[in-house]
Amino acid sequence: MIAFHWKDNWIIMDLYHGMTDGVGAYEVLRTLLYYYCSERYHVTLDDEKIRLVGDEILEEKWLNPVVGRDDLPTPAQAPMSEAFDLIGAAGLEDDQKHGL
């Protein structure tokens, strides 16, 4: 879900967008660079706005706001084009009509 690669002076980060957005990716990259520069160049950097190992993560950051909701909008399904009607094209019966 997340991969890193380096080439010359480039760092490439590939991640699944369902895992985080651009802001979250930026936070991961900042943390990576903080640890890299600290170890590689033996410097002490300001870590005030960097997320580090051992930092507390608030519970609301872990919770999925959609889980447990029953008031989400359900869009009406548009009529299906005949080109995508695999049930009809194959001569099958729609099992949804029988409540299965």
PDB file of N, CA and C in Angstrom:
ATOM      1  N   MET A   1       0.802  -1.182   0.000  1.00  0.00           N
ATOM      2  CA  MET A   1       0.000   0.000   0.000  1.00  0.00           C
ATOM      3  C   MET A   1       0.858   1.265   0.000  1.00  0.00           C
ATOM      4  N   ILE A   2       2.126   1.097   0.360  1.00  0.00           N
ATOM      5  CA  ILE A   2       3.034   2.233   0.312  1.00  0.00           C
ATOM      6  C   ILE A   2       4.419   1.703  -0.073  1.00  0.00           C
ATOM      7  N   ALA A   3       5.070   2.410  -0.961  1.00  0.00           N
ATOM      8  CA  ALA A   3       6.400   1.978  -1.416  1.00  0.00           C
ATOM      9  C   ALA A   3       7.289   3.202  -1.566  1.00  0.00           C
ATOM     10  N   PHE A   4       8.565   3.000  -1.290  1.00  0.00           N
ATOM     11  CA  PHE A   4       9.566   4.050  -1.437  1.00  0.00           C
ATOM     12  C   PHE A   4      10.645   3.559  -2.378  1.00  0.00           C
ATOM     13  N   HIS A   5      11.220   4.479  -3.109  1.00  0.00           N
ATOM     14  CA  HIS A   5      12.330   4.173  -4.003  1.00  0.00           C
ATOM     15  C   HIS A   5      13.195   5.425  -4.089  1.00  0.00           C
ATOM     16  N   TRP A   6      14.460   5.237  -4.329  1.00  0.00           N
ATOM     17  CA  TRP A   6      15.330   6.387  -4.526  1.00  0.00           C
ATOM     18  C   TRP A   6      16.174   6.169  -5.766  1.00  0.00           C
ATOM     19  N   LYS A   7      16.486   7.256  -6.406  1.00  0.00           N
ATOM     20  CA  LYS A   7      17.362   7.230  -7.566  1.00  0.00           C
ATOM     21  C   LYS A   7      18.072   8.573  -7.612  1.00  0.00           C
ATOM     22  N   ASP A   8      19.385   8.517  -7.600  1.00  0.00           N
ATOM     23  CA  ASP A   8      20.217   9.725  -7.549  1.00  0.00           C
ATOM     24  C   ASP A   8      19.789  10.568  -6.346  1.00  0.00           C
ATOM     25  N   ASN A   9      19.333  11.776  -6.573  1.00  0.00           N
ATOM     26  CA  ASN A   9      18.902  12.617  -5.453  1.00  0.00           C
ATOM     27  C   ASN A   9      17.378  12.750  -5.389  1.00  0.00           C
ATOM     28  N   TRP A  10      16.672  11.747  -5.903  1.00  0.00           N
ATOM     29  CA  TRP A  10      15.210  11.733  -5.896  1.00  0.00           C
ATOM     30  C   TRP A  10      14.697  10.659  -4.947  1.00  0.00           C
ATOM     31  N   ILE A  11      13.627  10.969  -4.219  1.00  0.00           N
ATOM     32  CA  ILE A  11      12.897   9.987  -3.424  1.00  0.00           C
ATOM     33  C   ILE A  11      11.524   9.850  -4.057  1.00  0.00           C
ATOM     34  N   ILE A  12      11.158   8.631  -4.366  1.00  0.00           N
ATOM     35  CA  ILE A  12       9.849   8.373  -4.973  1.00  0.00           C
ATOM     36  C   ILE A  12       8.988   7.651  -3.941  1.00  0.00           C
ATOM     37  N   MET A  13       7.808   8.167  -3.701  1.00  0.00           N
ATOM     38  CA  MET A  13       6.875   7.548  -2.777  1.00  0.00           C
ATOM     39  C   MET A  13       5.594   7.244  -3.548  1.00  0.00           C
ATOM     40  N   ASP A  14       5.190   6.001  -3.510  1.00  0.00           N
ATOM     41  CA  ASP A  14       3.967   5.569  -4.177  1.00  0.00           C
ATOM     42  C   ASP A  14       3.047   5.021  -3.099  1.00  0.00           C
ATOM     43  N   LEU A  15       1.854   5.579  -2.995  1.00  0.00           N
ATOM     44  CA  LEU A  15       0.947   5.076  -1.982  1.00  0.00           C
ATOM     45  C   LEU A  15      -0.479   5.054  -2.477  1.00  0.00           C
ATOM     46  N   TYR A  16      -1.241   4.181  -1.879  1.00  0.00           N
ATOM     47  CA  TYR A  16      -2.653   4.005  -2.199  1.00  0.00           C
ATOM     48  C   TYR A  16      -3.435   5.178  -1.609  1.00  0.00           C
ATOM     49  N   HIS A  17      -4.179   5.886  -2.447  1.00  0.00           N
ATOM     50  CA  HIS A  17      -4.884   7.094  -2.009  1.00  0.00           C
ATOM     51  C   HIS A  17      -5.955   6.788  -0.962  1.00  0.00           C
ATOM     52  N   GLY A  18      -6.467   5.564  -0.967  1.00  0.00           N
ATOM     53  CA  GLY A  18      -7.446   5.196   0.049  1.00  0.00           C
ATOM     54  C   GLY A  18      -6.838   5.155   1.444  1.00  0.00           C
ATOM     55  N   MET A  19      -5.525   5.111   1.513  1.00  0.00           N
ATOM     56  CA  MET A  19      -4.824   5.071   2.789  1.00  0.00           C
ATOM     57  C   MET A  19      -4.646   6.462   3.384  1.00  0.00           C
ATOM     58  N   THR A  20      -4.393   7.430   2.533  1.00  0.00           N
ATOM     59  CA  THR A  20      -4.203   8.803   2.994  1.00  0.00           C
ATOM     60  C   THR A  20      -4.353   9.756   1.815  1.00  0.00           C
ATOM     61  N   ASP A  21      -4.425  11.023   2.125  1.00  0.00           N
ATOM     62  CA  ASP A  21      -4.482  12.038   1.081  1.00  0.00           C
ATOM     63  C   ASP A  21      -3.113  12.700   0.953  1.00  0.00           C
ATOM     64  N   GLY A  22      -3.035  13.761   0.206  1.00  0.00           N
ATOM     65  CA  GLY A  22      -1.764  14.443  -0.002  1.00  0.00           C
ATOM     66  C   GLY A  22      -1.174  15.007   1.275  1.00  0.00           C
ATOM     67  N   VAL A  23      -2.026  15.479   2.187  1.00  0.00           N
ATOM     68  CA  VAL A  23      -1.535  16.016   3.449  1.00  0.00           C
ATOM     69  C   VAL A  23      -0.884  14.906   4.270  1.00  0.00           C
ATOM     70  N   GLY A  24      -1.521  13.749   4.321  1.00  0.00           N
ATOM     71  CA  GLY A  24      -0.950  12.618   5.051  1.00  0.00           C
ATOM     72  C   GLY A  24       0.342  12.134   4.427  1.00  0.00           C
ATOM     73  N   ALA A  25       0.394  12.119   3.092  1.00  0.00           N
ATOM     74  CA  ALA A  25       1.614  11.712   2.396  1.00  0.00           C
ATOM     75  C   ALA A  25       2.753  12.678   2.714  1.00  0.00           C
ATOM     76  N   TYR A  26       2.430  13.956   2.786  1.00  0.00           N
ATOM     77  CA  TYR A  26       3.430  14.967   3.129  1.00  0.00           C
ATOM     78  C   TYR A  26       3.978  14.727   4.534  1.00  0.00           C
ATOM     79  N   GLU A  27       3.097  14.365   5.469  1.00  0.00           N
ATOM     80  CA  GLU A  27       3.534  14.083   6.842  1.00  0.00           C
ATOM     81  C   GLU A  27       4.475  12.878   6.878  1.00  0.00           C
ATOM     82  N   VAL A  28       4.157  11.841   6.116  1.00  0.00           N
ATOM     83  CA  VAL A  28       5.022  10.660   6.047  1.00  0.00           C
ATOM     84  C   VAL A  28       6.388  11.040   5.479  1.00  0.00           C
ATOM     85  N   LEU A  29       6.384  11.810   4.423  1.00  0.00           N
ATOM     86  CA  LEU A  29       7.635  12.218   3.792  1.00  0.00           C
ATOM     87  C   LEU A  29       8.471  13.100   4.720  1.00  0.00           C
ATOM     88  N   ARG A  30       7.834  14.006   5.437  1.00  0.00           N
ATOM     89  CA  ARG A  30       8.570  14.853   6.391  1.00  0.00           C
ATOM     90  C   ARG A  30       9.225  14.009   7.477  1.00  0.00           C
ATOM     91  N   THR A  31       8.495  13.014   7.984  1.00  0.00           N
ATOM     92  CA  THR A  31       9.052  12.138   9.012  1.00  0.00           C
ATOM     93  C   THR A  31      10.223  11.336   8.452  1.00  0.00           C
ATOM     94  N   LEU A  32      10.059  10.804   7.251  1.00  0.00           N
ATOM     95  CA  LEU A  32      11.137  10.046   6.608  1.00  0.00           C
ATOM     96  C   LEU A  32      12.390  10.906   6.452  1.00  0.00           C
ATOM     97  N   LEU A  33      12.228  12.111   5.957  1.00  0.00           N
ATOM     98  CA  LEU A  33      13.373  13.002   5.758  1.00  0.00           C
ATOM     99  C   LEU A  33      13.999  13.427   7.087  1.00  0.00           C
ATOM    100  N   TYR A  34      13.188  13.602   8.109  1.00  0.00           N
ATOM    101  CA  TYR A  34      13.709  13.954   9.426  1.00  0.00           C
ATOM    102  C   TYR A  34      14.659  12.859   9.914  1.00  0.00           C
ATOM    103  N   TYR A  35      14.192  11.612   9.885  1.00  0.00           N
ATOM    104  CA  TYR A  35      15.034  10.504  10.356  1.00  0.00           C
ATOM    105  C   TYR A  35      16.252  10.308   9.453  1.00  0.00           C
ATOM    106  N   TYR A  36      16.070  10.420   8.161  1.00  0.00           N
ATOM    107  CA  TYR A  36      17.192  10.252   7.233  1.00  0.00           C
ATOM    108  C   TYR A  36      18.277  11.301   7.489  1.00  0.00           C
ATOM    109  N   CYS A  37      17.890  12.566   7.530  1.00  0.00           N
ATOM    110  CA  CYS A  37      18.882  13.636   7.725  1.00  0.00           C
ATOM    111  C   CYS A  37      19.544  13.546   9.102  1.00  0.00           C
ATOM    112  N   SER A  38      18.752  13.174  10.120  1.00  0.00           N
ATOM    113  CA  SER A  38      19.319  13.039  11.462  1.00  0.00           C
ATOM    114  C   SER A  38      20.394  11.955  11.498  1.00  0.00           C
ATOM    115  N   GLU A  39      20.127  10.826  10.869  1.00  0.00           N
ATOM    116  CA  GLU A  39      21.081   9.710  10.873  1.00  0.00           C
ATOM    117  C   GLU A  39      22.232   9.924   9.893  1.00  0.00           C
ATOM    118  N   ARG A  40      21.907  10.368   8.713  1.00  0.00           N
ATOM    119  CA  ARG A  40      22.924  10.493   7.655  1.00  0.00           C
ATOM    120  C   ARG A  40      23.918  11.609   7.928  1.00  0.00           C
ATOM    121  N   TYR A  41      23.423  12.737   8.405  1.00  0.00           N
ATOM    122  CA  TYR A  41      24.282  13.900   8.591  1.00  0.00           C
ATOM    123  C   TYR A  41      24.586  14.199  10.063  1.00  0.00           C
ATOM    124  N   HIS A  42      24.080  13.349  10.973  1.00  0.00           N
ATOM    125  CA  HIS A  42      24.350  13.490  12.411  1.00  0.00           C
ATOM    126  C   HIS A  42      24.055  14.905  12.901  1.00  0.00           C
ATOM    127  N   VAL A  43      22.862  15.369  12.571  1.00  0.00           N
ATOM    128  CA  VAL A  43      22.437  16.703  12.989  1.00  0.00           C
ATOM    129  C   VAL A  43      21.204  16.578  13.885  1.00  0.00           C
ATOM    130  N   THR A  44      20.983  17.594  14.676  1.00  0.00           N
ATOM    131  CA  THR A  44      19.789  17.659  15.506  1.00  0.00           C
ATOM    132  C   THR A  44      18.843  18.667  14.869  1.00  0.00           C
ATOM    133  N   LEU A  45      17.708  18.183  14.460  1.00  0.00           N
ATOM    134  CA  LEU A  45      16.725  19.023  13.781  1.00  0.00           C
ATOM    135  C   LEU A  45      15.563  19.338  14.711  1.00  0.00           C
ATOM    136  N   ASP A  46      14.883  20.420  14.437  1.00  0.00           N
ATOM    137  CA  ASP A  46      13.689  20.786  15.192  1.00  0.00           C
ATOM    138  C   ASP A  46      12.587  19.789  14.856  1.00  0.00           C
ATOM    139  N   ASP A  47      12.079  19.091  15.861  1.00  0.00           N
ATOM    140  CA  ASP A  47      11.060  18.062  15.623  1.00  0.00           C
ATOM    141  C   ASP A  47       9.673  18.488  16.100  1.00  0.00           C
ATOM    142  N   GLU A  48       9.487  19.796  16.327  1.00  0.00           N
ATOM    143  CA  GLU A  48       8.222  20.273  16.875  1.00  0.00           C
ATOM    144  C   GLU A  48       7.025  19.912  15.992  1.00  0.00           C
ATOM    145  N   LYS A  49       7.157  20.006  14.694  1.00  0.00           N
ATOM    146  CA  LYS A  49       6.021  19.740  13.796  1.00  0.00           C
ATOM    147  C   LYS A  49       6.213  18.460  12.990  1.00  0.00           C
ATOM    148  N   ILE A  50       7.051  17.560  13.494  1.00  0.00           N
ATOM    149  CA  ILE A  50       7.306  16.289  12.817  1.00  0.00           C
ATOM    150  C   ILE A  50       6.691  15.173  13.657  1.00  0.00           C
ATOM    151  N   ARG A  51       6.034  14.237  13.019  1.00  0.00           N
ATOM    152  CA  ARG A  51       5.467  13.090  13.724  1.00  0.00           C
ATOM    153  C   ARG A  51       6.552  12.035  13.875  1.00  0.00           C
ATOM    154  N   LEU A  52       6.815  11.652  15.118  1.00  0.00           N
ATOM    155  CA  LEU A  52       7.912  10.739  15.408  1.00  0.00           C
ATOM    156  C   LEU A  52       7.409   9.462  16.071  1.00  0.00           C
ATOM    157  N   VAL A  53       8.259   8.451  16.062  1.00  0.00           N
ATOM    158  CA  VAL A  53       7.945   7.203  16.739  1.00  0.00           C
ATOM    159  C   VAL A  53       7.688   7.518  18.209  1.00  0.00           C
ATOM    160  N   GLY A  54       6.616   6.973  18.737  1.00  0.00           N
ATOM    161  CA  GLY A  54       6.286   7.202  20.136  1.00  0.00           C
ATOM    162  C   GLY A  54       5.296   8.330  20.357  1.00  0.00           C
ATOM    163  N   ASP A  55       5.034   9.143  19.344  1.00  0.00           N
ATOM    164  CA  ASP A  55       4.036  10.208  19.485  1.00  0.00           C
ATOM    165  C   ASP A  55       2.655   9.601  19.670  1.00  0.00           C
ATOM    166  N   GLU A  56       1.851  10.242  20.498  1.00  0.00           N
ATOM    167  CA  GLU A  56       0.484   9.780  20.708  1.00  0.00           C
ATOM    168  C   GLU A  56      -0.377  10.173  19.507  1.00  0.00           C
ATOM    169  N   ILE A  57      -1.185   9.228  19.041  1.00  0.00           N
ATOM    170  CA  ILE A  57      -2.121   9.494  17.961  1.00  0.00           C
ATOM    171  C   ILE A  57      -3.516   9.506  18.574  1.00  0.00           C
ATOM    172  N   LEU A  58      -4.206  10.610  18.435  1.00  0.00           N
ATOM    173  CA  LEU A  58      -5.533  10.743  19.016  1.00  0.00           C
ATOM    174  C   LEU A  58      -6.498   9.742  18.393  1.00  0.00           C
ATOM    175  N   GLU A  59      -7.451   9.274  19.183  1.00  0.00           N
ATOM    176  CA  GLU A  59      -8.392   8.250  18.721  1.00  0.00           C
ATOM    177  C   GLU A  59      -9.177   8.689  17.491  1.00  0.00           C
ATOM    178  N   GLU A  60      -9.557   9.978  17.429  1.00  0.00           N
ATOM    179  CA  GLU A  60     -10.346  10.432  16.277  1.00  0.00           C
ATOM    180  C   GLU A  60      -9.562  10.361  14.972  1.00  0.00           C
ATOM    181  N   LYS A  61      -8.236  10.298  15.055  1.00  0.00           N
ATOM    182  CA  LYS A  61      -7.417  10.145  13.844  1.00  0.00           C
ATOM    183  C   LYS A  61      -7.499   8.718  13.302  1.00  0.00           C
ATOM    184  N   TRP A  62      -7.804   7.759  14.180  1.00  0.00           N
ATOM    185  CA  TRP A  62      -7.894   6.357  13.767  1.00  0.00           C
ATOM    186  C   TRP A  62      -9.285   5.974  13.303  1.00  0.00           C
ATOM    187  N   LEU A  63     -10.297   6.667  13.816  1.00  0.00           N
ATOM    188  CA  LEU A  63     -11.675   6.269  13.538  1.00  0.00           C
ATOM    189  C   LEU A  63     -12.099   6.637  12.120  1.00  0.00           C
ATOM    190  N   ASN A  64     -12.853   5.750  11.507  1.00  0.00           N
ATOM    191  CA  ASN A  64     -13.424   6.002  10.190  1.00  0.00           C
ATOM    192  C   ASN A  64     -14.771   6.684  10.403  1.00  0.00           C
ATOM    193  N   PRO A  65     -14.943   7.908   9.946  1.00  0.00           N
ATOM    194  CA  PRO A  65     -16.187   8.635  10.221  1.00  0.00           C
ATOM    195  C   PRO A  65     -17.410   8.050   9.522  1.00  0.00           C
ATOM    196  N   VAL A  66     -17.240   7.155   8.598  1.00  0.00           N
ATOM    197  CA  VAL A  66     -18.369   6.587   7.861  1.00  0.00           C
ATOM    198  C   VAL A  66     -18.918   5.335   8.548  1.00  0.00           C
ATOM    199  N   VAL A  67     -18.059   4.629   9.281  1.00  0.00           N
ATOM    200  CA  VAL A  67     -18.481   3.390   9.938  1.00  0.00           C
ATOM    201  C   VAL A  67     -19.572   3.697  10.960  1.00  0.00           C
ATOM    202  N   GLY A  68     -20.632   2.920  10.905  1.00  0.00           N
ATOM    203  CA  GLY A  68     -21.727   3.061  11.852  1.00  0.00           C
ATOM    204  C   GLY A  68     -22.776   4.090  11.474  1.00  0.00           C
ATOM    205  N   ARG A  69     -22.568   4.817  10.400  1.00  0.00           N
ATOM    206  CA  ARG A  69     -23.565   5.811   9.987  1.00  0.00           C
ATOM    207  C   ARG A  69     -24.651   5.123   9.167  1.00  0.00           C
ATOM    208  N   ASP A  70     -25.877   5.525   9.400  1.00  0.00           N
ATOM    209  CA  ASP A  70     -26.986   4.974   8.622  1.00  0.00           C
ATOM    210  C   ASP A  70     -27.749   6.068   7.878  1.00  0.00           C
ATOM    211  N   ASP A  71     -27.188   7.266   7.865  1.00  0.00           N
ATOM    212  CA  ASP A  71     -27.872   8.383   7.223  1.00  0.00           C
ATOM    213  C   ASP A  71     -27.134   8.869   5.970  1.00  0.00           C
ATOM    214  N   LEU A  72     -26.317   8.013   5.383  1.00  0.00           N
ATOM    215  CA  LEU A  72     -25.583   8.402   4.184  1.00  0.00           C
ATOM    216  C   LEU A  72     -26.513   8.404   2.976  1.00  0.00           C
ATOM    217  N   PRO A  73     -26.328   9.345   2.075  1.00  0.00           N
ATOM    218  CA  PRO A  73     -27.199   9.389   0.895  1.00  0.00           C
ATOM    219  C   PRO A  73     -26.963   8.195  -0.019  1.00  0.00           C
ATOM    220  N   THR A  74     -28.035   7.666  -0.553  1.00  0.00           N
ATOM    221  CA  THR A  74     -27.944   6.564  -1.511  1.00  0.00           C
ATOM    222  C   THR A  74     -28.493   7.069  -2.837  1.00  0.00           C
ATOM    223  N   PRO A  75     -27.605   7.295  -3.807  1.00  0.00           N
ATOM    224  CA  PRO A  75     -28.084   7.819  -5.088  1.00  0.00           C
ATOM    225  C   PRO A  75     -28.951   6.791  -5.818  1.00  0.00           C
ATOM    226  N   ALA A  76     -29.915   7.291  -6.544  1.00  0.00           N
ATOM    227  CA  ALA A  76     -30.769   6.403  -7.343  1.00  0.00           C
ATOM    228  C   ALA A  76     -29.934   5.785  -8.457  1.00  0.00           C
ATOM    229  N   GLN A  77     -30.179   4.513  -8.715  1.00  0.00           N
ATOM    230  CA  GLN A  77     -29.427   3.824  -9.755  1.00  0.00           C
ATOM    231  C   GLN A  77     -29.989   4.198 -11.125  1.00  0.00           C
ATOM    232  N   ALA A  78     -29.108   4.611 -12.007  1.00  0.00           N
ATOM    233  CA  ALA A  78     -29.518   4.969 -13.364  1.00  0.00           C
ATOM    234  C   ALA A  78     -29.836   3.701 -14.154  1.00  0.00           C
ATOM    235  N   PRO A  79     -30.738   3.797 -15.111  1.00  0.00           N
ATOM    236  CA  PRO A  79     -31.022   2.627 -15.938  1.00  0.00           C
ATOM    237  C   PRO A  79     -29.747   2.136 -16.628  1.00  0.00           C
ATOM    238  N   MET A  80     -29.622   0.817 -16.696  1.00  0.00           N
ATOM    239  CA  MET A  80     -28.424   0.227 -17.265  1.00  0.00           C
ATOM    240  C   MET A  80     -28.518   0.172 -18.786  1.00  0.00           C
ATOM    241  N   SER A  81     -27.441   0.530 -19.421  1.00  0.00           N
ATOM    242  CA  SER A  81     -27.366   0.446 -20.871  1.00  0.00           C
ATOM    243  C   SER A  81     -27.434  -1.023 -21.284  1.00  0.00           C
ATOM    244  N   GLU A  82     -28.045  -1.297 -22.428  1.00  0.00           N
ATOM    245  CA  GLU A  82     -28.138  -2.680 -22.904  1.00  0.00           C
ATOM    246  C   GLU A  82     -26.759  -3.302 -23.081  1.00  0.00           C
ATOM    247  N   ALA A  83     -25.760  -2.492 -23.391  1.00  0.00           N
ATOM    248  CA  ALA A  83     -24.408  -3.016 -23.583  1.00  0.00           C
ATOM    249  C   ALA A  83     -23.850  -3.600 -22.292  1.00  0.00           C
ATOM    250  N   PHE A  84     -24.343  -3.125 -21.150  1.00  0.00           N
ATOM    251  CA  PHE A  84     -23.843  -3.604 -19.870  1.00  0.00           C
ATOM    252  C   PHE A  84     -24.811  -4.561 -19.186  1.00  0.00           C
ATOM    253  N   ASP A  85     -25.881  -4.913 -19.824  1.00  0.00           N
ATOM    254  CA  ASP A  85     -26.874  -5.812 -19.239  1.00  0.00           C
ATOM    255  C   ASP A  85     -26.441  -7.256 -19.482  1.00  0.00           C
ATOM    256  N   LEU A  86     -25.499  -7.728 -18.671  1.00  0.00           N
ATOM    257  CA  LEU A  86     -24.973  -9.079 -18.847  1.00  0.00           C
ATOM    258  C   LEU A  86     -26.014 -10.146 -18.532  1.00  0.00           C
ATOM    259  N   ILE A  87     -26.898  -9.856 -17.595  1.00  0.00           N
ATOM    260  CA  ILE A  87     -27.941 -10.822 -17.240  1.00  0.00           C
ATOM    261  C   ILE A  87     -28.862 -11.048 -18.436  1.00  0.00           C
ATOM    262  N   GLY A  88     -29.330  -9.939 -19.032  1.00  0.00           N
ATOM    263  CA  GLY A  88     -30.224 -10.060 -20.189  1.00  0.00           C
ATOM    264  C   GLY A  88     -29.510 -10.630 -21.407  1.00  0.00           C
ATOM    265  N   ALA A  89     -28.269 -10.219 -21.635  1.00  0.00           N
ATOM    266  CA  ALA A  89     -27.524 -10.687 -22.800  1.00  0.00           C
ATOM    267  C   ALA A  89     -27.274 -12.184 -22.736  1.00  0.00           C
ATOM    268  N   ALA A  90     -27.098 -12.716 -21.531  1.00  0.00           N
ATOM    269  CA  ALA A  90     -26.833 -14.148 -21.376  1.00  0.00           C
ATOM    270  C   ALA A  90     -28.116 -14.951 -21.238  1.00  0.00           C
ATOM    271  N   GLY A  91     -29.259 -14.262 -21.229  1.00  0.00           N
ATOM    272  CA  GLY A  91     -30.537 -14.962 -21.098  1.00  0.00           C
ATOM    273  C   GLY A  91     -30.760 -15.501 -19.692  1.00  0.00           C
ATOM    274  N   LEU A  92     -30.124 -14.873 -18.695  1.00  0.00           N
ATOM    275  CA  LEU A  92     -30.274 -15.318 -17.313  1.00  0.00           C
ATOM    276  C   LEU A  92     -31.417 -14.571 -16.639  1.00  0.00           C
ATOM    277  N   GLU A  93     -31.849 -15.100 -15.531  1.00  0.00           N
ATOM    278  CA  GLU A  93     -32.910 -14.467 -14.765  1.00  0.00           C
ATOM    279  C   GLU A  93     -32.287 -13.604 -13.678  1.00  0.00           C
ATOM    280  N   ASP A  94     -32.823 -12.437 -13.457  1.00  0.00           N
ATOM    281  CA  ASP A  94     -32.321 -11.530 -12.423  1.00  0.00           C
ATOM    282  C   ASP A  94     -32.747 -12.057 -11.061  1.00  0.00           C
ATOM    283  N   ASP A  95     -31.786 -12.520 -10.253  1.00  0.00           N
ATOM    284  CA  ASP A  95     -32.142 -13.112  -8.946  1.00  0.00           C
ATOM    285  C   ASP A  95     -32.649 -12.074  -7.955  1.00  0.00           C
ATOM    286  N   GLN A  96     -32.462 -10.790  -8.230  1.00  0.00           N
ATOM    287  CA  GLN A  96     -32.958  -9.752  -7.333  1.00  0.00           C
ATOM    288  C   GLN A  96     -34.491  -9.679  -7.358  1.00  0.00           C
ATOM    289  N   LYS A  97     -35.098 -10.143  -8.444  1.00  0.00           N
ATOM    290  CA  LYS A  97     -36.555 -10.119  -8.534  1.00  0.00           C
ATOM    291  C   LYS A  97     -37.187 -11.123  -7.581  1.00  0.00           C
ATOM    292  N   HIS A  98     -36.427 -12.109  -7.150  1.00  0.00           N
ATOM    293  CA  HIS A  98     -36.954 -13.149  -6.258  1.00  0.00           C
ATOM    294  C   HIS A  98     -36.560 -12.902  -4.818  1.00  0.00           C
ATOM    295  N   GLY A  99     -35.840 -11.794  -4.562  1.00  0.00           N
ATOM    296  CA  GLY A  99     -35.468 -11.456  -3.196  1.00  0.00           C
ATOM    297  C   GLY A  99     -34.349 -12.303  -2.628  1.00  0.00           C
ATOM    298  N   LEU A 100     -33.562 -12.924  -3.469  1.00  0.00           N
ATOM    299  CA  LEU A 100     -32.459 -13.758  -2.970  1.00  0.00           C
ATOM    300  C   LEU A 100     -31.282 -12.934  -2.574  1.00  0.00           C
TER     301      LEU A 100
END
